[in-house]
Structure formats: structure tokens, C-alpha cells
Amino acid sequence: MSLEHYDENCKGCRPALLDIQTGKPLPEDSPIMKIVLGLWEQATPQEKRAWHDFTCLNSREPQVVSLAMGVAQKIRNAFSQSEAKDGN
């Protein structure tokens, strides 16, 4: 694992969500994380590297920001669809 470089096999290079009550990362088998990790599997290599560069390296290059925000928007859209199905 290296903070400086994206590694496809590094769990720290993937999106993570925290339980707001405990402050601990949600387990991979939680319903929300299953959605996030499913979307992550569909992300392009460029999106994955941009996510890492934005979140880990604090890059603010326009292309990096655009790609990372695209990933975030896909996650938000999936949550919205999931909530609509659940009636929340």
C-alpha cells in the first residue's frame, strides 16, 4: 500500500463510508458498501486514479476533480435510487 500511487489491489485506494455514530468504516458486506463497491468495480481506470489523486493526494487539477466528482455523483445517484425503492 502506498499513499503516493493508486494500486488496484489496495483497499485504502477505494471509496469508504463511515458509520456516523461510531466513526468506524462500514463493513464491505453492508448494503450501502455493496452499492459503493459495485459502482467502484464499474469505474474506469482513469476514474479510479482520479478518485485516489483527489482524495489521497488532494489534487485539484480540473480533469482529476471532474472525474472524481463524476464518481461521487454516480454514488449519490445509486443512493437516491436505492432510497426510492425502499420508500425513504
Protein backbone atom coordinates (compact mmCIF):
# COMPACT_ATOMS: atom_id res chain seq x y z
CA MET A 1 0.00 0.00 0.00
CA SER A 2 1.30 3.42 -0.92
CA LEU A 3 -0.39 6.76 -0.45
CA GLU A 4 1.51 8.23 -3.40
CA HIS A 5 0.29 5.77 -6.05
CA TYR A 6 -3.04 4.14 -6.88
CA ASP A 7 -3.00 0.36 -6.51
CA GLU A 8 -5.93 -1.69 -7.80
CA ASN A 9 -5.42 -4.24 -5.01
CA CYS A 10 -5.20 -1.70 -2.18
CA LYS A 11 -8.36 -1.48 -0.07
CA GLY A 12 -7.26 2.00 1.04
CA CYS A 13 -7.48 3.22 -2.57
CA ARG A 14 -11.23 2.53 -2.76
CA PRO A 15 -14.11 4.66 -1.52
CA ALA A 16 -15.08 4.12 2.10
CA LEU A 17 -18.02 5.27 4.19
CA LEU A 18 -18.04 5.82 7.92
CA ASP A 19 -20.78 4.98 10.37
CA ILE A 20 -21.66 8.43 11.70
CA GLN A 21 -22.47 7.05 15.13
CA THR A 22 -19.29 5.02 15.68
CA GLY A 23 -16.86 6.82 13.37
CA LYS A 24 -15.69 3.44 12.08
CA PRO A 25 -15.69 2.34 8.44
CA LEU A 26 -18.76 0.43 7.32
CA PRO A 27 -18.08 -3.25 6.62
CA GLU A 28 -17.80 -4.29 2.99
CA ASP A 29 -20.87 -6.50 3.33
CA SER A 30 -23.15 -3.67 4.50
CA PRO A 31 -25.91 -2.84 1.99
CA ILE A 32 -24.54 0.65 1.35
CA MET A 33 -20.97 -0.52 0.84
CA LYS A 34 -22.14 -3.24 -1.52
CA ILE A 35 -23.62 -0.49 -3.70
CA VAL A 36 -20.46 1.63 -3.50
CA LEU A 37 -18.11 -1.25 -4.23
CA GLY A 38 -20.31 -2.44 -7.09
CA LEU A 39 -20.05 1.01 -8.64
CA TRP A 40 -16.32 1.04 -7.98
CA GLU A 41 -15.93 -2.19 -9.96
CA GLN A 42 -17.62 -0.45 -12.90
CA ALA A 43 -15.41 2.66 -12.70
CA THR A 44 -12.81 3.18 -15.40
CA PRO A 45 -9.11 3.05 -14.53
CA GLN A 46 -8.98 6.82 -15.12
CA GLU A 47 -11.85 7.38 -12.66
CA LYS A 48 -10.17 5.19 -10.05
CA ARG A 49 -6.85 7.01 -10.35
CA ALA A 50 -8.61 10.38 -10.22
CA TRP A 51 -10.51 9.33 -7.09
CA HIS A 52 -7.22 8.39 -5.44
CA ASP A 53 -5.49 11.57 -6.57
CA PHE A 54 -8.38 13.74 -5.35
CA THR A 55 -8.98 12.04 -2.00
CA CYS A 56 -5.48 10.89 -1.05
CA LEU A 57 -3.22 13.41 -2.76
CA ASN A 58 -5.55 16.41 -2.59
CA SER A 59 -5.17 17.02 -6.33
CA ARG A 60 -7.24 19.88 -7.66
CA GLU A 61 -6.32 19.53 -11.31
CA PRO A 62 -9.53 20.19 -13.29
CA GLN A 63 -9.57 16.79 -15.01
CA VAL A 64 -8.97 14.96 -11.72
CA VAL A 65 -11.71 16.92 -9.95
CA SER A 66 -14.14 16.33 -12.81
CA LEU A 67 -13.57 12.57 -12.86
CA ALA A 68 -13.68 12.24 -9.05
CA MET A 69 -16.89 14.27 -8.85
CA GLY A 70 -18.36 12.04 -11.55
CA VAL A 71 -17.69 9.00 -9.35
CA ALA A 72 -19.24 10.79 -6.36
CA GLN A 73 -22.30 11.67 -8.44
CA LYS A 74 -22.75 8.03 -9.50
CA ILE A 75 -22.67 7.04 -5.83
CA ARG A 76 -25.23 9.72 -4.93
CA ASN A 77 -27.48 8.62 -7.79
CA ALA A 78 -27.31 5.00 -6.67
CA PHE A 79 -28.24 6.02 -3.11
CA SER A 80 -31.16 8.08 -4.38
CA GLN A 81 -32.43 5.15 -6.44
CA SER A 82 -31.98 2.80 -3.50
CA GLU A 83 -33.88 5.11 -1.15
CA ALA A 84 -36.69 5.50 -3.69
CA LYS A 85 -37.03 1.71 -3.88
CA ASP A 86 -37.05 1.44 -0.09
CA GLY A 87 -39.62 4.21 0.24
CA ASN A 88 -37.36 6.52 2.29
